[in-house]
């Protein structure tokens, strides 16, 4: 699989594709076209999440006010139970994320 090929054609929504889905690890490609998390509520998962922006730009915000501006090659480890959301993705280009969820 080439992570830069076969990108979704519909920019009106964010696209999630599992690459690996096993008992203790899930690897997912996410393609965003300017989407962001809903204004209310936070993601808070039981597993850790390591995310890298392969192409584009996104901002991950924590509920304590910290923000992480990620672009090509930048990564972030989101600890389990850390409340977070995506507060920005570039509306001018596809942002390709690789997310690894693990115990």
N, C-alpha and C. Protein backbone atom coordinates (compact mmCIF):
# COMPACT_ATOMS: atom_id res chain seq x y z
N UNK A 1 0.85 -1.19 0.00
CA UNK A 1 0.00 0.00 0.00
C UNK A 1 0.88 1.24 0.00
N UNK A 2 0.55 2.18 -0.84
CA UNK A 2 1.20 3.48 -0.84
C UNK A 2 0.25 4.47 -0.16
N UNK A 3 0.69 5.08 0.92
CA UNK A 3 -0.17 5.95 1.72
C UNK A 3 -0.57 7.23 1.01
N UNK A 4 0.13 7.57 -0.08
CA UNK A 4 -0.17 8.78 -0.84
C UNK A 4 -1.07 8.51 -2.04
N UNK A 5 -1.33 7.26 -2.34
CA UNK A 5 -2.14 6.92 -3.51
C UNK A 5 -3.57 6.57 -3.11
N UNK A 6 -4.43 6.57 -4.11
CA UNK A 6 -5.85 6.23 -3.93
C UNK A 6 -6.51 7.07 -2.85
N UNK A 7 -6.24 8.37 -2.88
CA UNK A 7 -6.87 9.27 -1.92
C UNK A 7 -8.35 9.40 -2.24
N UNK A 8 -9.18 9.56 -1.23
CA UNK A 8 -10.62 9.71 -1.46
C UNK A 8 -10.90 10.92 -2.33
N UNK A 9 -11.92 10.81 -3.15
CA UNK A 9 -12.27 11.89 -4.06
C UNK A 9 -13.24 12.90 -3.44
N UNK A 10 -13.93 12.52 -2.37
CA UNK A 10 -14.96 13.37 -1.76
C UNK A 10 -14.37 14.23 -0.66
N UNK A 11 -14.14 15.53 -0.92
CA UNK A 11 -13.54 16.39 0.09
C UNK A 11 -14.55 16.91 1.13
N UNK A 12 -15.82 16.54 1.00
CA UNK A 12 -16.83 17.05 1.92
C UNK A 12 -16.81 16.33 3.27
N UNK A 13 -16.01 15.25 3.36
CA UNK A 13 -15.96 14.52 4.62
C UNK A 13 -14.55 14.01 4.88
N UNK A 14 -14.29 13.68 6.13
CA UNK A 14 -13.01 13.10 6.52
C UNK A 14 -13.10 11.59 6.30
N UNK A 15 -11.99 10.98 5.89
CA UNK A 15 -11.99 9.56 5.53
C UNK A 15 -11.03 8.79 6.44
N UNK A 16 -11.49 7.65 6.97
CA UNK A 16 -10.73 6.79 7.87
C UNK A 16 -10.60 5.42 7.24
N UNK A 17 -9.38 4.89 7.21
CA UNK A 17 -9.13 3.58 6.60
C UNK A 17 -8.17 2.79 7.48
N UNK A 18 -8.65 1.65 8.00
CA UNK A 18 -7.77 0.78 8.78
C UNK A 18 -6.75 0.11 7.88
N UNK A 19 -5.51 0.14 8.29
CA UNK A 19 -4.43 -0.56 7.59
C UNK A 19 -4.13 -1.86 8.32
N UNK A 20 -4.08 -1.77 9.66
CA UNK A 20 -3.90 -2.94 10.53
C UNK A 20 -4.91 -2.80 11.65
N UNK A 21 -5.58 -3.91 11.98
CA UNK A 21 -6.52 -3.90 13.09
C UNK A 21 -6.41 -5.23 13.81
N UNK A 22 -5.59 -5.24 14.87
CA UNK A 22 -5.37 -6.45 15.66
C UNK A 22 -5.67 -6.15 17.12
N UNK A 23 -5.56 -7.16 17.96
CA UNK A 23 -5.98 -7.05 19.36
C UNK A 23 -5.40 -5.83 20.08
N UNK A 24 -4.11 -5.59 19.98
CA UNK A 24 -3.48 -4.54 20.78
C UNK A 24 -2.95 -3.37 19.97
N UNK A 25 -3.20 -3.37 18.66
CA UNK A 25 -2.73 -2.26 17.83
C UNK A 25 -3.67 -2.06 16.65
N UNK A 26 -3.89 -0.79 16.34
CA UNK A 26 -4.65 -0.44 15.14
C UNK A 26 -3.91 0.69 14.46
N UNK A 27 -3.69 0.56 13.15
CA UNK A 27 -3.03 1.59 12.36
C UNK A 27 -4.04 2.07 11.33
N UNK A 28 -4.19 3.37 11.24
CA UNK A 28 -5.25 3.95 10.43
C UNK A 28 -4.70 5.11 9.60
N UNK A 29 -5.13 5.18 8.35
CA UNK A 29 -4.85 6.36 7.53
C UNK A 29 -6.09 7.23 7.60
N UNK A 30 -5.86 8.50 7.87
CA UNK A 30 -6.95 9.48 7.92
C UNK A 30 -6.63 10.55 6.88
N UNK A 31 -7.62 10.89 6.08
CA UNK A 31 -7.46 11.95 5.09
C UNK A 31 -8.50 13.03 5.39
N UNK A 32 -8.00 14.24 5.69
CA UNK A 32 -8.85 15.37 6.04
C UNK A 32 -8.76 16.43 4.96
N UNK A 33 -9.87 17.10 4.73
CA UNK A 33 -9.94 18.18 3.74
C UNK A 33 -10.50 19.44 4.41
N UNK A 34 -9.87 19.87 5.49
CA UNK A 34 -10.36 21.05 6.22
C UNK A 34 -11.29 20.70 7.37
N UNK A 35 -11.57 19.43 7.59
CA UNK A 35 -12.44 19.04 8.68
C UNK A 35 -11.74 19.23 10.03
N UNK A 36 -12.56 19.38 11.06
CA UNK A 36 -12.07 19.45 12.42
C UNK A 36 -13.07 18.79 13.34
N UNK A 37 -12.67 18.53 14.56
CA UNK A 37 -13.56 17.91 15.54
C UNK A 37 -14.71 18.85 15.85
N UNK A 38 -15.83 18.29 16.31
CA UNK A 38 -16.95 19.17 16.73
C UNK A 38 -16.50 20.12 17.83
N UNK A 39 -17.10 21.30 17.88
CA UNK A 39 -16.74 22.32 18.88
C UNK A 39 -16.94 21.80 20.30
N UNK A 40 -18.01 21.05 20.53
CA UNK A 40 -18.25 20.52 21.87
C UNK A 40 -17.79 19.07 21.95
N UNK A 41 -17.31 18.70 23.08
CA UNK A 41 -16.86 17.32 23.29
C UNK A 41 -15.40 17.12 22.94
N UNK A 42 -14.85 16.02 23.44
CA UNK A 42 -13.44 15.69 23.25
C UNK A 42 -13.31 14.22 22.94
N UNK A 43 -12.26 13.86 22.19
CA UNK A 43 -11.90 12.45 22.05
C UNK A 43 -11.14 12.07 23.32
N UNK A 44 -11.41 10.89 23.83
CA UNK A 44 -10.71 10.38 25.00
C UNK A 44 -10.73 8.87 24.91
N UNK A 45 -9.62 8.29 24.53
CA UNK A 45 -9.60 6.85 24.27
C UNK A 45 -8.75 6.11 25.28
N UNK A 46 -9.03 4.81 25.40
CA UNK A 46 -8.33 3.95 26.36
C UNK A 46 -6.90 3.65 25.92
N UNK A 47 -6.63 3.69 24.63
CA UNK A 47 -5.30 3.38 24.12
C UNK A 47 -4.51 4.67 23.89
N UNK A 48 -3.18 4.53 23.85
CA UNK A 48 -2.34 5.63 23.42
C UNK A 48 -2.50 5.79 21.91
N UNK A 49 -2.25 6.98 21.43
CA UNK A 49 -2.31 7.24 19.99
C UNK A 49 -1.06 8.01 19.58
N UNK A 50 -0.34 7.43 18.63
CA UNK A 50 0.78 8.14 18.02
C UNK A 50 0.31 8.54 16.64
N UNK A 51 0.40 9.82 16.33
CA UNK A 51 -0.08 10.31 15.05
C UNK A 51 1.04 11.09 14.37
N UNK A 52 1.12 10.94 13.04
CA UNK A 52 2.09 11.68 12.25
C UNK A 52 1.35 12.27 11.05
N UNK A 53 1.68 13.51 10.72
CA UNK A 53 1.14 14.13 9.51
C UNK A 53 2.12 13.80 8.39
N UNK A 54 1.65 13.04 7.42
CA UNK A 54 2.49 12.68 6.28
C UNK A 54 2.52 13.79 5.24
N UNK A 55 1.40 14.51 5.14
CA UNK A 55 1.28 15.60 4.17
C UNK A 55 0.19 16.54 4.66
N UNK A 56 0.43 17.84 4.53
CA UNK A 56 -0.59 18.81 4.92
C UNK A 56 -0.28 19.42 6.27
N UNK A 57 -1.36 19.81 6.97
CA UNK A 57 -1.20 20.50 8.25
C UNK A 57 -2.44 20.29 9.10
N UNK A 58 -2.22 20.08 10.40
CA UNK A 58 -3.32 19.95 11.34
C UNK A 58 -2.89 20.44 12.71
N UNK A 59 -3.87 20.85 13.50
CA UNK A 59 -3.61 21.28 14.87
C UNK A 59 -4.40 20.37 15.80
N UNK A 60 -3.70 19.76 16.75
CA UNK A 60 -4.32 18.95 17.78
C UNK A 60 -4.33 19.76 19.07
N UNK A 61 -5.50 19.89 19.68
CA UNK A 61 -5.66 20.66 20.91
C UNK A 61 -6.00 19.73 22.06
N UNK A 62 -5.44 20.02 23.23
CA UNK A 62 -5.76 19.30 24.46
C UNK A 62 -6.73 20.14 25.29
N UNK A 63 -7.46 19.48 26.16
CA UNK A 63 -8.45 20.19 26.99
C UNK A 63 -7.79 21.13 28.00
N UNK A 64 -6.48 21.03 28.21
CA UNK A 64 -5.79 21.94 29.12
C UNK A 64 -5.26 23.19 28.41
N UNK A 65 -5.60 23.34 27.12
CA UNK A 65 -5.22 24.53 26.38
C UNK A 65 -3.98 24.38 25.51
N UNK A 66 -3.23 23.31 25.66
CA UNK A 66 -2.05 23.11 24.80
C UNK A 66 -2.49 22.80 23.39
N UNK A 67 -1.73 23.32 22.41
CA UNK A 67 -1.99 23.05 20.99
C UNK A 67 -0.70 22.61 20.33
N UNK A 68 -0.84 21.68 19.40
CA UNK A 68 0.30 21.13 18.68
C UNK A 68 0.04 21.31 17.19
N UNK A 69 0.83 22.18 16.56
CA UNK A 69 0.70 22.49 15.14
C UNK A 69 1.60 21.52 14.39
N UNK A 70 1.00 20.60 13.64
CA UNK A 70 1.73 19.53 12.98
C UNK A 70 1.67 19.72 11.47
N UNK A 71 2.83 19.56 10.82
CA UNK A 71 2.88 19.58 9.36
C UNK A 71 3.77 18.43 8.91
N UNK A 72 4.08 18.39 7.63
CA UNK A 72 4.79 17.26 7.03
C UNK A 72 5.87 16.68 7.94
N UNK A 73 5.68 15.43 8.35
CA UNK A 73 6.68 14.72 9.14
C UNK A 73 6.58 14.90 10.64
N UNK A 74 5.75 15.82 11.12
CA UNK A 74 5.61 16.04 12.56
C UNK A 74 4.73 14.95 13.17
N UNK A 75 5.11 14.53 14.39
CA UNK A 75 4.33 13.50 15.07
C UNK A 75 4.03 13.93 16.50
N UNK A 76 3.06 13.23 17.10
CA UNK A 76 2.63 13.54 18.46
C UNK A 76 2.17 12.25 19.11
N UNK A 77 2.59 12.01 20.34
CA UNK A 77 2.09 10.90 21.13
C UNK A 77 1.00 11.44 22.05
N UNK A 78 -0.20 10.95 21.88
CA UNK A 78 -1.34 11.36 22.70
C UNK A 78 -1.55 10.26 23.74
N UNK A 79 -1.28 10.56 25.02
CA UNK A 79 -1.43 9.53 26.05
C UNK A 79 -2.88 9.04 26.16
N UNK A 80 -3.03 7.80 26.60
CA UNK A 80 -4.36 7.27 26.86
C UNK A 80 -5.08 8.19 27.85
N UNK A 81 -6.37 8.36 27.65
CA UNK A 81 -7.26 9.18 28.49
C UNK A 81 -7.02 10.68 28.36
N UNK A 82 -6.12 11.12 27.48
CA UNK A 82 -5.90 12.56 27.27
C UNK A 82 -7.02 13.10 26.39
N UNK A 83 -7.79 14.03 26.90
CA UNK A 83 -8.86 14.64 26.12
C UNK A 83 -8.22 15.53 25.05
N UNK A 84 -8.64 15.31 23.79
CA UNK A 84 -8.04 16.04 22.67
C UNK A 84 -9.03 16.17 21.54
N UNK A 85 -8.71 17.04 20.61
CA UNK A 85 -9.50 17.20 19.39
C UNK A 85 -8.62 17.80 18.29
N UNK A 86 -9.06 17.64 17.06
CA UNK A 86 -8.41 18.28 15.92
C UNK A 86 -9.12 19.61 15.72
N UNK A 87 -8.40 20.71 15.93
CA UNK A 87 -9.01 22.03 15.85
C UNK A 87 -8.79 22.70 14.50
N UNK A 88 -7.96 22.08 13.64
CA UNK A 88 -7.71 22.65 12.30
C UNK A 88 -7.10 21.59 11.41
N UNK A 89 -7.55 21.54 10.16
CA UNK A 89 -6.81 20.90 9.08
C UNK A 89 -6.90 21.82 7.88
N UNK A 90 -5.90 21.76 7.04
CA UNK A 90 -5.77 22.67 5.90
C UNK A 90 -6.91 22.46 4.90
N UNK A 91 -7.72 23.48 4.66
CA UNK A 91 -8.82 23.34 3.69
C UNK A 91 -8.36 23.40 2.23
N UNK A 92 -7.10 23.81 2.00
CA UNK A 92 -6.60 23.99 0.64
C UNK A 92 -5.96 22.74 0.06
N UNK A 93 -5.72 21.73 0.90
CA UNK A 93 -5.09 20.50 0.42
C UNK A 93 -5.49 19.35 1.33
N UNK A 94 -5.31 18.15 0.86
CA UNK A 94 -5.55 16.97 1.70
C UNK A 94 -4.49 16.91 2.78
N UNK A 95 -4.92 16.66 4.01
CA UNK A 95 -3.99 16.36 5.09
C UNK A 95 -4.05 14.86 5.31
N UNK A 96 -2.91 14.20 5.16
CA UNK A 96 -2.84 12.75 5.32
C UNK A 96 -2.17 12.45 6.66
N UNK A 97 -2.91 11.79 7.53
CA UNK A 97 -2.44 11.40 8.86
C UNK A 97 -2.22 9.89 8.88
N UNK A 98 -1.27 9.46 9.67
CA UNK A 98 -1.13 8.04 10.01
C UNK A 98 -1.26 7.98 11.53
N UNK A 99 -2.25 7.23 12.00
CA UNK A 99 -2.50 7.13 13.44
C UNK A 99 -2.29 5.69 13.89
N UNK A 100 -1.55 5.53 14.96
CA UNK A 100 -1.27 4.21 15.53
C UNK A 100 -1.84 4.20 16.95
N UNK A 101 -2.80 3.32 17.19
CA UNK A 101 -3.42 3.16 18.50
C UNK A 101 -2.87 1.89 19.14
N UNK A 102 -2.41 1.97 20.39
CA UNK A 102 -1.79 0.80 21.02
C UNK A 102 -1.92 0.87 22.53
N UNK A 103 -1.78 -0.31 23.17
CA UNK A 103 -1.83 -0.39 24.64
C UNK A 103 -0.51 0.01 25.23
